[in-house]
Amino acid sequence: MTTIRTSLALAALLGLASGPALAQVQPGNPNAANQSMQNMSTNRTMQQEQTGQNNTTMMNIQRSQNAPPTPSAPVGIPHGGIGR
């Protein structure tokens, strides 16, 4: 669990650190700012998808831990011998 959190934190830091540097306008490329914003948008989308997947996984783990244990043998229904 801490590995997932650590990797998410690292990915977030790398995404934030590279954001401003990529957004600078390059003299030879008039589309550099647009490309940079597109890349940042793609990175945010991927981070949101990863967060959603991690949340789903954590929810499933919590559900399985909180679920009541299943019976080891089926519960039998007693059959009466009345009138036989």
C-alpha atoms as a PDB file:
ATOM      1  CA  MET A   1       0.000   0.000   0.000  1.00  0.00           C
ATOM      2  CA  THR A   2       2.799   2.421   0.824  1.00  0.00           C
ATOM      3  CA  THR A   3       4.468   1.531  -2.471  1.00  0.00           C
ATOM      4  CA  ILE A   4       1.378   2.700  -4.357  1.00  0.00           C
ATOM      5  CA  ARG A   5       1.237   5.917  -2.358  1.00  0.00           C
ATOM      6  CA  THR A   6       4.956   6.532  -2.828  1.00  0.00           C
ATOM      7  CA  SER A   7       4.790   6.009  -6.577  1.00  0.00           C
ATOM      8  CA  LEU A   8       1.742   8.277  -6.851  1.00  0.00           C
ATOM      9  CA  ALA A   9       3.471  11.000  -4.866  1.00  0.00           C
ATOM     10  CA  LEU A  10       6.582  10.685  -7.021  1.00  0.00           C
ATOM     11  CA  ALA A  11       4.535  10.833 -10.233  1.00  0.00           C
ATOM     12  CA  ALA A  12       2.701  13.913  -8.968  1.00  0.00           C
ATOM     13  CA  LEU A  13       5.952  15.657  -8.047  1.00  0.00           C
ATOM     14  CA  LEU A  14       7.519  14.884 -11.400  1.00  0.00           C
ATOM     15  CA  GLY A  15       4.428  16.141 -13.189  1.00  0.00           C
ATOM     16  CA  LEU A  16       4.426  19.398 -11.234  1.00  0.00           C
ATOM     17  CA  ALA A  17       8.159  19.916 -11.591  1.00  0.00           C
ATOM     18  CA  SER A  18       8.146  19.527 -15.366  1.00  0.00           C
ATOM     19  CA  GLY A  19       5.023  21.637 -15.940  1.00  0.00           C
ATOM     20  CA  PRO A  20       6.404  25.201 -15.870  1.00  0.00           C
ATOM     21  CA  ALA A  21       9.558  24.291 -17.819  1.00  0.00           C
ATOM     22  CA  LEU A  22       7.525  22.733 -20.616  1.00  0.00           C
ATOM     23  CA  ALA A  23       5.186  25.709 -20.878  1.00  0.00           C
ATOM     24  CA  GLN A  24       7.921  28.135 -21.906  1.00  0.00           C
ATOM     25  CA  VAL A  25       7.658  29.409 -25.458  1.00  0.00           C
ATOM     26  CA  GLN A  26      10.438  28.197 -27.722  1.00  0.00           C
ATOM     27  CA  PRO A  27      11.563  30.710 -30.365  1.00  0.00           C
ATOM     28  CA  GLY A  28      11.789  28.172 -33.209  1.00  0.00           C
ATOM     29  CA  ASN A  29       8.468  26.439 -32.483  1.00  0.00           C
ATOM     30  CA  PRO A  30       5.315  28.593 -32.427  1.00  0.00           C
ATOM     31  CA  ASN A  31       3.228  25.595 -31.321  1.00  0.00           C
ATOM     32  CA  ALA A  32       5.420  24.756 -28.311  1.00  0.00           C
ATOM     33  CA  ALA A  33       3.010  26.245 -25.770  1.00  0.00           C
ATOM     34  CA  ASN A  34       0.045  24.369 -27.264  1.00  0.00           C
ATOM     35  CA  GLN A  35       1.963  21.109 -27.325  1.00  0.00           C
ATOM     36  CA  SER A  36       3.061  21.664 -23.756  1.00  0.00           C
ATOM     37  CA  MET A  37      -0.492  22.263 -22.562  1.00  0.00           C
ATOM     38  CA  GLN A  38      -1.650  19.166 -24.436  1.00  0.00           C
ATOM     39  CA  ASN A  39       1.078  17.088 -22.756  1.00  0.00           C
ATOM     40  CA  MET A  40       0.165  18.443 -19.327  1.00  0.00           C
ATOM     41  CA  SER A  41      -3.504  17.665 -19.965  1.00  0.00           C
ATOM     42  CA  THR A  42      -2.612  14.110 -20.986  1.00  0.00           C
ATOM     43  CA  ASN A  43      -0.511  13.698 -17.829  1.00  0.00           C
ATOM     44  CA  ARG A  44      -3.364  14.948 -15.632  1.00  0.00           C
ATOM     45  CA  THR A  45      -5.779  12.555 -17.335  1.00  0.00           C
ATOM     46  CA  MET A  46      -3.445   9.627 -16.730  1.00  0.00           C
ATOM     47  CA  GLN A  47      -2.989  10.630 -13.086  1.00  0.00           C
ATOM     48  CA  GLN A  48      -6.752  10.851 -12.601  1.00  0.00           C
ATOM     49  CA  GLU A  49      -7.247   7.420 -14.180  1.00  0.00           C
ATOM     50  CA  GLN A  50      -4.552   5.939 -11.938  1.00  0.00           C
ATOM     51  CA  THR A  51      -6.124   7.554  -8.878  1.00  0.00           C
ATOM     52  CA  GLY A  52      -9.512   6.137  -9.841  1.00  0.00           C
ATOM     53  CA  GLN A  53      -8.067   2.650 -10.287  1.00  0.00           C
ATOM     54  CA  ASN A  54      -6.257   2.872  -6.946  1.00  0.00           C
ATOM     55  CA  ASN A  55      -9.427   4.040  -5.204  1.00  0.00           C
ATOM     56  CA  THR A  56     -11.386   1.149  -6.716  1.00  0.00           C
ATOM     57  CA  THR A  57      -8.740  -1.337  -5.601  1.00  0.00           C
ATOM     58  CA  MET A  58      -8.668   0.066  -2.071  1.00  0.00           C
ATOM     59  CA  MET A  59     -12.476  -0.035  -1.880  1.00  0.00           C
ATOM     60  CA  ASN A  60     -12.496  -3.685  -3.000  1.00  0.00           C
ATOM     61  CA  ILE A  61      -9.857  -4.561  -0.399  1.00  0.00           C
ATOM     62  CA  GLN A  62     -11.875  -2.844   2.334  1.00  0.00           C
ATOM     63  CA  ARG A  63     -15.043  -4.624   1.226  1.00  0.00           C
ATOM     64  CA  SER A  64     -13.371  -8.012   1.308  1.00  0.00           C
ATOM     65  CA  GLN A  65     -11.942  -7.326   4.775  1.00  0.00           C
ATOM     66  CA  ASN A  66     -15.316  -6.199   6.128  1.00  0.00           C
ATOM     67  CA  ALA A  67     -17.382  -8.968   4.521  1.00  0.00           C
ATOM     68  CA  PRO A  68     -18.810 -11.562   6.889  1.00  0.00           C
ATOM     69  CA  PRO A  69     -17.113 -14.948   6.645  1.00  0.00           C
ATOM     70  CA  THR A  70     -18.858 -17.500   4.493  1.00  0.00           C
ATOM     71  CA  PRO A  71     -20.042 -20.668   6.243  1.00  0.00           C
ATOM     72  CA  SER A  72     -17.733 -23.643   5.783  1.00  0.00           C
ATOM     73  CA  ALA A  73     -20.612 -26.104   5.320  1.00  0.00           C
ATOM     74  CA  PRO A  74     -24.146 -25.555   4.072  1.00  0.00           C
ATOM     75  CA  VAL A  75     -26.744 -25.115   6.748  1.00  0.00           C
ATOM     76  CA  GLY A  76     -29.015 -28.162   6.752  1.00  0.00           C
ATOM     77  CA  ILE A  77     -32.789 -27.954   7.004  1.00  0.00           C
ATOM     78  CA  PRO A  78     -34.144 -30.521   9.469  1.00  0.00           C
ATOM     79  CA  HIS A  79     -36.731 -32.847   7.958  1.00  0.00           C
ATOM     80  CA  GLY A  80     -39.386 -34.030  10.331  1.00  0.00           C
ATOM     81  CA  GLY A  81     -40.832 -37.503  10.352  1.00  0.00           C
ATOM     82  CA  ILE A  82     -44.361 -36.457  11.296  1.00  0.00           C
ATOM     83  CA  GLY A  83     -47.060 -38.754  10.000  1.00  0.00           C
ATOM     84  CA  ARG A  84     -44.778 -41.409   8.642  1.00  0.00           C
END
